[in-house]
C-alpha cells in the first residue's frame, strides 16, 4: 500500500469527491470510508497538532486549541468529519495522515477479509449506538465526554434507577473497549490523544 497518500477526498463544487491515488489499496480505502472511528471521538479525545500546522488548519476551519502546556490540539469528534469521510482530507493534520489503525494494517496485509473487517466496524457502530442511546449522547459529542458529565446519583433509589437504566450501556462500554483494543487500537483507553 502506498505510504505517500496525498489526497483521497477533495471538494468539487462543494461536493465531497473521492480521489484514489495510484498504489492505494482500494480495499483499505473502502474500509476507511465506512469507518471513521479514528475521527469521531471513539478512540481519541484530541489530535496533537504540529506547531507549524496551526495557521493552515485554522484556514480550513478546523478547531485548533493552544493548551496550557504549550501543545496544540484539535478536539475530537473532528469538526471536518462528514459521516465517515473527512471534508478537509487534502489539508488534514500530519498526525491524521500518518495514522493507520490495526484493522486497516491487518486488512492491507491480507490478515482478514474485507467482510471480516467491515463486520468489526459494524460491531463497533452497534455498540456506539447502544451507548449513545442509553446516555442520550448526540453524534457531535464524544461518548467519553458524555459519560464523564453524568452526575452520580445521591440516593439509593437514584442508584437503583441508574443501574437499571445504564446496565446495557455499561456492558456495551466494556465490550467497546475490548473490541477496540483487540481489533483497532491496542492503546485504546477511551478519549486519549493521538
C-alpha atoms as a PDB file:
ATOM      1  CA  UNK A   1       0.000   0.000   0.000  1.00  0.00           C
ATOM      2  CA  UNK A   2       1.248   3.472  -0.822  1.00  0.00           C
ATOM      3  CA  UNK A   3       2.517   5.435   2.176  1.00  0.00           C
ATOM      4  CA  UNK A   4       2.560   8.782   0.333  1.00  0.00           C
ATOM      5  CA  UNK A   5      -1.167   9.229   0.065  1.00  0.00           C
ATOM      6  CA  UNK A   6      -1.622  12.946  -0.520  1.00  0.00           C
ATOM      7  CA  UNK A   7      -5.300  13.080  -1.285  1.00  0.00           C
ATOM      8  CA  UNK A   8      -8.253  10.698  -1.140  1.00  0.00           C
ATOM      9  CA  UNK A   9     -11.028  13.209  -0.830  1.00  0.00           C
ATOM     10  CA  UNK A  10     -11.436  16.613  -2.361  1.00  0.00           C
ATOM     11  CA  UNK A  11     -14.217  19.137  -2.616  1.00  0.00           C
ATOM     12  CA  UNK A  12     -15.519  19.578  -6.142  1.00  0.00           C
ATOM     13  CA  UNK A  13     -18.044  22.388  -6.324  1.00  0.00           C
ATOM     14  CA  UNK A  14     -18.795  21.942  -2.628  1.00  0.00           C
ATOM     15  CA  UNK A  15     -19.396  18.191  -3.017  1.00  0.00           C
ATOM     16  CA  UNK A  16     -17.064  15.668  -1.437  1.00  0.00           C
ATOM     17  CA  UNK A  17     -15.434  13.511  -4.107  1.00  0.00           C
ATOM     18  CA  UNK A  18     -13.122  10.512  -3.801  1.00  0.00           C
ATOM     19  CA  UNK A  19      -9.733  10.623  -5.489  1.00  0.00           C
ATOM     20  CA  UNK A  20      -7.748   7.400  -5.076  1.00  0.00           C
ATOM     21  CA  UNK A  21      -4.058   7.828  -5.895  1.00  0.00           C
ATOM     22  CA  UNK A  22      -2.014   5.155  -7.659  1.00  0.00           C
ATOM     23  CA  UNK A  23      -0.854   2.357  -5.400  1.00  0.00           C
ATOM     24  CA  UNK A  24      -3.532   2.852  -2.758  1.00  0.00           C
ATOM     25  CA  UNK A  25      -5.170  -0.344  -1.611  1.00  0.00           C
ATOM     26  CA  UNK A  26      -8.815   0.119  -2.680  1.00  0.00           C
ATOM     27  CA  UNK A  27      -9.957  -2.348  -0.011  1.00  0.00           C
ATOM     28  CA  UNK A  28      -8.333  -0.247   2.732  1.00  0.00           C
ATOM     29  CA  UNK A  29      -9.846   2.885   1.239  1.00  0.00           C
ATOM     30  CA  UNK A  30     -13.298   1.278   1.294  1.00  0.00           C
ATOM     31  CA  UNK A  31     -12.827   0.276   4.937  1.00  0.00           C
ATOM     32  CA  UNK A  32     -11.833   3.807   5.986  1.00  0.00           C
ATOM     33  CA  UNK A  33     -14.761   5.295   4.091  1.00  0.00           C
ATOM     34  CA  UNK A  34     -17.148   3.079   6.088  1.00  0.00           C
ATOM     35  CA  UNK A  35     -15.486   3.558   9.463  1.00  0.00           C
ATOM     36  CA  UNK A  36     -14.353   6.998  10.716  1.00  0.00           C
ATOM     37  CA  UNK A  37     -13.853   5.733  14.292  1.00  0.00           C
ATOM     38  CA  UNK A  38     -10.418   7.363  14.495  1.00  0.00           C
ATOM     39  CA  UNK A  39     -12.054  10.769  13.909  1.00  0.00           C
ATOM     40  CA  UNK A  40     -15.406  10.566  15.716  1.00  0.00           C
ATOM     41  CA  UNK A  41     -14.107  10.726  19.283  1.00  0.00           C
ATOM     42  CA  UNK A  42     -14.377   6.990  19.923  1.00  0.00           C
ATOM     43  CA  UNK A  43     -10.644   6.277  20.114  1.00  0.00           C
ATOM     44  CA  UNK A  44      -9.254   9.743  20.761  1.00  0.00           C
ATOM     45  CA  UNK A  45     -10.365  12.882  22.573  1.00  0.00           C
ATOM     46  CA  UNK A  46      -7.912  15.028  20.671  1.00  0.00           C
ATOM     47  CA  UNK A  47      -5.285  15.008  17.946  1.00  0.00           C
ATOM     48  CA  UNK A  48      -1.880  16.560  18.578  1.00  0.00           C
ATOM     49  CA  UNK A  49      -1.100  19.243  16.008  1.00  0.00           C
ATOM     50  CA  UNK A  50       2.412  20.265  14.953  1.00  0.00           C
ATOM     51  CA  UNK A  51       3.106  23.922  15.724  1.00  0.00           C
ATOM     52  CA  UNK A  52       3.746  24.723  12.060  1.00  0.00           C
ATOM     53  CA  UNK A  53       0.258  23.420  11.106  1.00  0.00           C
ATOM     54  CA  UNK A  54      -1.823  25.652  13.373  1.00  0.00           C
ATOM     55  CA  UNK A  55      -2.344  28.536  10.938  1.00  0.00           C
ATOM     56  CA  UNK A  56      -3.029  26.285   7.938  1.00  0.00           C
ATOM     57  CA  UNK A  57      -5.574  24.196   9.833  1.00  0.00           C
ATOM     58  CA  UNK A  58      -7.313  27.322  11.079  1.00  0.00           C
ATOM     59  CA  UNK A  59      -7.823  28.383   7.458  1.00  0.00           C
ATOM     60  CA  UNK A  60      -9.763  25.177   6.725  1.00  0.00           C
ATOM     61  CA  UNK A  61     -11.981  25.750   9.780  1.00  0.00           C
ATOM     62  CA  UNK A  62     -10.564  23.022  11.988  1.00  0.00           C
ATOM     63  CA  UNK A  63     -10.902  23.941  15.647  1.00  0.00           C
ATOM     64  CA  UNK A  64      -7.303  24.076  16.889  1.00  0.00           C
ATOM     65  CA  UNK A  65      -6.618  24.871  20.550  1.00  0.00           C
ATOM     66  CA  UNK A  66      -3.439  26.011  22.288  1.00  0.00           C
ATOM     67  CA  UNK A  67      -3.146  24.023  25.541  1.00  0.00           C
ATOM     68  CA  UNK A  68      -1.758  25.378  28.828  1.00  0.00           C
ATOM     69  CA  UNK A  69       1.381  23.265  28.388  1.00  0.00           C
ATOM     70  CA  UNK A  70       2.067  24.926  25.015  1.00  0.00           C
ATOM     71  CA  UNK A  71       0.966  21.995  22.865  1.00  0.00           C
ATOM     72  CA  UNK A  72      -1.601  22.424  20.127  1.00  0.00           C
ATOM     73  CA  UNK A  73      -4.505  20.003  19.747  1.00  0.00           C
ATOM     74  CA  UNK A  74      -7.670  19.522  17.758  1.00  0.00           C
ATOM     75  CA  UNK A  75     -10.691  18.171  19.637  1.00  0.00           C
ATOM     76  CA  UNK A  76     -12.495  15.013  18.603  1.00  0.00           C
ATOM     77  CA  UNK A  77     -15.062  14.370  17.234  1.00  0.00           C
ATOM     78  CA  UNK A  78     -13.429  16.209  14.363  1.00  0.00           C
ATOM     79  CA  UNK A  79     -15.375  19.167  13.029  1.00  0.00           C
ATOM     80  CA  UNK A  80     -14.422  18.110   9.487  1.00  0.00           C
ATOM     81  CA  UNK A  81     -15.954  14.637   9.770  1.00  0.00           C
ATOM     82  CA  UNK A  82     -18.963  14.186   7.475  1.00  0.00           C
ATOM     83  CA  UNK A  83     -20.426  10.773   8.142  1.00  0.00           C
ATOM     84  CA  UNK A  84     -17.280   8.667   7.862  1.00  0.00           C
ATOM     85  CA  UNK A  85     -15.422  10.997   5.478  1.00  0.00           C
ATOM     86  CA  UNK A  86     -13.037  13.884   6.051  1.00  0.00           C
ATOM     87  CA  UNK A  87     -14.207  17.081   4.382  1.00  0.00           C
ATOM     88  CA  UNK A  88     -10.670  18.564   4.500  1.00  0.00           C
ATOM     89  CA  UNK A  89      -8.759  15.394   3.633  1.00  0.00           C
ATOM     90  CA  UNK A  90      -6.170  17.116   1.432  1.00  0.00           C
ATOM     91  CA  UNK A  91      -5.434  19.589   4.242  1.00  0.00           C
ATOM     92  CA  UNK A  92      -5.739  17.247   7.247  1.00  0.00           C
ATOM     93  CA  UNK A  93      -3.172  17.330  10.079  1.00  0.00           C
ATOM     94  CA  UNK A  94       0.046  15.347   9.655  1.00  0.00           C
ATOM     95  CA  UNK A  95      -0.837  13.120  12.617  1.00  0.00           C
ATOM     96  CA  UNK A  96      -4.074  12.167  10.834  1.00  0.00           C
ATOM     97  CA  UNK A  97      -2.221  11.445   7.591  1.00  0.00           C
ATOM     98  CA  UNK A  98       0.229   9.152   9.411  1.00  0.00           C
ATOM     99  CA  UNK A  99      -2.374   7.269  11.422  1.00  0.00           C
ATOM    100  CA  UNK A 100      -3.327   3.742  10.443  1.00  0.00           C
ATOM    101  CA  UNK A 101      -5.375   1.546  12.780  1.00  0.00           C
ATOM    102  CA  UNK A 102      -4.548  -2.104  13.433  1.00  0.00           C
ATOM    103  CA  UNK A 103      -7.576  -3.302  11.478  1.00  0.00           C
ATOM    104  CA  UNK A 104      -6.548  -1.400   8.353  1.00  0.00           C
ATOM    105  CA  UNK A 105      -2.988  -2.750   8.634  1.00  0.00           C
ATOM    106  CA  UNK A 106      -4.323  -6.281   9.057  1.00  0.00           C
ATOM    107  CA  UNK A 107      -6.654  -5.914   6.081  1.00  0.00           C
ATOM    108  CA  UNK A 108      -3.908  -4.445   3.872  1.00  0.00           C
ATOM    109  CA  UNK A 109      -1.596  -7.322   4.795  1.00  0.00           C
ATOM    110  CA  UNK A 110      -4.243  -9.926   3.949  1.00  0.00           C
ATOM    111  CA  UNK A 111      -4.730 -10.913   7.595  1.00  0.00           C
ATOM    112  CA  UNK A 112      -8.505 -10.661   7.314  1.00  0.00           C
ATOM    113  CA  UNK A 113     -11.096 -10.404   4.578  1.00  0.00           C
ATOM    114  CA  UNK A 114     -12.905  -7.161   3.732  1.00  0.00           C
ATOM    115  CA  UNK A 115     -16.097  -8.743   5.057  1.00  0.00           C
ATOM    116  CA  UNK A 116     -14.454  -9.561   8.400  1.00  0.00           C
ATOM    117  CA  UNK A 117     -13.078  -6.025   8.676  1.00  0.00           C
ATOM    118  CA  UNK A 118     -16.437  -4.416   7.873  1.00  0.00           C
ATOM    119  CA  UNK A 119     -18.128  -6.722  10.410  1.00  0.00           C
ATOM    120  CA  UNK A 120     -15.769  -5.398  13.096  1.00  0.00           C
ATOM    121  CA  UNK A 121     -16.607  -1.799  12.149  1.00  0.00           C
ATOM    122  CA  UNK A 122     -20.312  -2.646  12.216  1.00  0.00           C
ATOM    123  CA  UNK A 123     -19.920  -4.219  15.678  1.00  0.00           C
ATOM    124  CA  UNK A 124     -18.277  -1.036  16.975  1.00  0.00           C
ATOM    125  CA  UNK A 125     -21.056   1.066  15.416  1.00  0.00           C
ATOM    126  CA  UNK A 126     -23.693  -1.158  17.064  1.00  0.00           C
ATOM    127  CA  UNK A 127     -22.027  -0.739  20.471  1.00  0.00           C
ATOM    128  CA  UNK A 128     -21.693   3.019  19.970  1.00  0.00           C
ATOM    129  CA  UNK A 129     -25.381   3.285  19.072  1.00  0.00           C
ATOM    130  CA  UNK A 130     -26.356   1.466  22.278  1.00  0.00           C
ATOM    131  CA  UNK A 131     -24.070   3.707  24.338  1.00  0.00           C
ATOM    132  CA  UNK A 132     -25.266   6.918  22.680  1.00  0.00           C
ATOM    133  CA  UNK A 133     -28.900   5.934  23.123  1.00  0.00           C
ATOM    134  CA  UNK A 134     -28.603   4.977  26.796  1.00  0.00           C
ATOM    135  CA  UNK A 135     -26.566   8.042  27.744  1.00  0.00           C
ATOM    136  CA  UNK A 136     -28.526  10.430  25.484  1.00  0.00           C
ATOM    137  CA  UNK A 137     -25.351  11.382  23.627  1.00  0.00           C
ATOM    138  CA  UNK A 138     -25.636  13.244  20.300  1.00  0.00           C
ATOM    139  CA  UNK A 139     -23.264  12.261  17.445  1.00  0.00           C
ATOM    140  CA  UNK A 140     -21.357  15.551  17.729  1.00  0.00           C
ATOM    141  CA  UNK A 141     -20.370  14.776  21.329  1.00  0.00           C
ATOM    142  CA  UNK A 142     -17.738  12.275  22.415  1.00  0.00           C
ATOM    143  CA  UNK A 143     -19.239   9.370  24.326  1.00  0.00           C
ATOM    144  CA  UNK A 144     -16.415   9.802  26.846  1.00  0.00           C
ATOM    145  CA  UNK A 145     -17.310  13.457  27.472  1.00  0.00           C
ATOM    146  CA  UNK A 146     -20.942  12.485  27.952  1.00  0.00           C
ATOM    147  CA  UNK A 147     -20.149   9.626  30.329  1.00  0.00           C
ATOM    148  CA  UNK A 148     -17.849  11.857  32.398  1.00  0.00           C
ATOM    149  CA  UNK A 149     -20.555  14.522  32.590  1.00  0.00           C
ATOM    150  CA  UNK A 150     -23.065  12.156  34.196  1.00  0.00           C
ATOM    151  CA  UNK A 151     -23.788  13.020  37.796  1.00  0.00           C
ATOM    152  CA  UNK A 152     -23.623  10.233  40.328  1.00  0.00           C
ATOM    153  CA  UNK A 153     -26.993   9.584  41.933  1.00  0.00           C
ATOM    154  CA  UNK A 154     -27.156  10.730  45.547  1.00  0.00           C
ATOM    155  CA  UNK A 155     -29.978   8.486  46.745  1.00  0.00           C
ATOM    156  CA  UNK A 156     -30.300   4.722  46.942  1.00  0.00           C
ATOM    157  CA  UNK A 157     -33.346   4.888  44.691  1.00  0.00           C
ATOM    158  CA  UNK A 158     -31.419   7.001  42.172  1.00  0.00           C
ATOM    159  CA  UNK A 159     -28.582   4.471  42.205  1.00  0.00           C
ATOM    160  CA  UNK A 160     -31.007   1.622  41.509  1.00  0.00           C
ATOM    161  CA  UNK A 161     -32.607   3.545  38.639  1.00  0.00           C
ATOM    162  CA  UNK A 162     -29.190   4.402  37.156  1.00  0.00           C
ATOM    163  CA  UNK A 163     -28.020   0.798  37.494  1.00  0.00           C
ATOM    164  CA  UNK A 164     -31.145  -0.407  35.691  1.00  0.00           C
ATOM    165  CA  UNK A 165     -31.124   2.293  33.005  1.00  0.00           C
ATOM    166  CA  UNK A 166     -27.395   2.125  32.291  1.00  0.00           C
ATOM    167  CA  UNK A 167     -26.742  -1.630  32.696  1.00  0.00           C
ATOM    168  CA  UNK A 168     -26.701  -2.453  28.954  1.00  0.00           C
ATOM    169  CA  UNK A 169     -24.727   0.698  28.147  1.00  0.00           C
ATOM    170  CA  UNK A 170     -22.074  -0.144  30.751  1.00  0.00           C
ATOM    171  CA  UNK A 171     -21.762  -3.630  29.236  1.00  0.00           C
ATOM    172  CA  UNK A 172     -21.512  -2.010  25.781  1.00  0.00           C
ATOM    173  CA  UNK A 173     -18.739   0.326  27.001  1.00  0.00           C
ATOM    174  CA  UNK A 174     -16.768  -2.661  28.337  1.00  0.00           C
ATOM    175  CA  UNK A 175     -17.241  -4.533  25.050  1.00  0.00           C
ATOM    176  CA  UNK A 176     -16.365  -1.423  23.018  1.00  0.00           C
ATOM    177  CA  UNK A 177     -13.077  -1.121  24.919  1.00  0.00           C
ATOM    178  CA  UNK A 178     -12.356  -4.828  24.441  1.00  0.00           C
ATOM    179  CA  UNK A 179     -13.134  -4.885  20.702  1.00  0.00           C
ATOM    180  CA  UNK A 180     -11.414  -1.541  20.174  1.00  0.00           C
ATOM    181  CA  UNK A 181      -8.181  -2.731  21.791  1.00  0.00           C
ATOM    182  CA  UNK A 182      -8.238  -6.134  20.095  1.00  0.00           C
ATOM    183  CA  UNK A 183      -9.061  -5.018  16.570  1.00  0.00           C
ATOM    184  CA  UNK A 184      -8.402  -1.298  16.108  1.00  0.00           C
ATOM    185  CA  UNK A 185      -6.061   0.360  18.595  1.00  0.00           C
ATOM    186  CA  UNK A 186      -4.130  -1.587  21.269  1.00  0.00           C
ATOM    187  CA  UNK A 187      -3.614   1.629  23.305  1.00  0.00           C
ATOM    188  CA  UNK A 188      -7.350   2.401  23.295  1.00  0.00           C
ATOM    189  CA  UNK A 189      -8.401   3.681  26.706  1.00  0.00           C
ATOM    190  CA  UNK A 190     -11.245   5.977  25.694  1.00  0.00           C
ATOM    191  CA  UNK A 191     -10.656   9.580  24.740  1.00  0.00           C
ATOM    192  CA  UNK A 192      -6.850   9.965  24.860  1.00  0.00           C
ATOM    193  CA  UNK A 193      -4.708  11.914  22.376  1.00  0.00           C
ATOM    194  CA  UNK A 194      -3.403  10.691  19.021  1.00  0.00           C
END
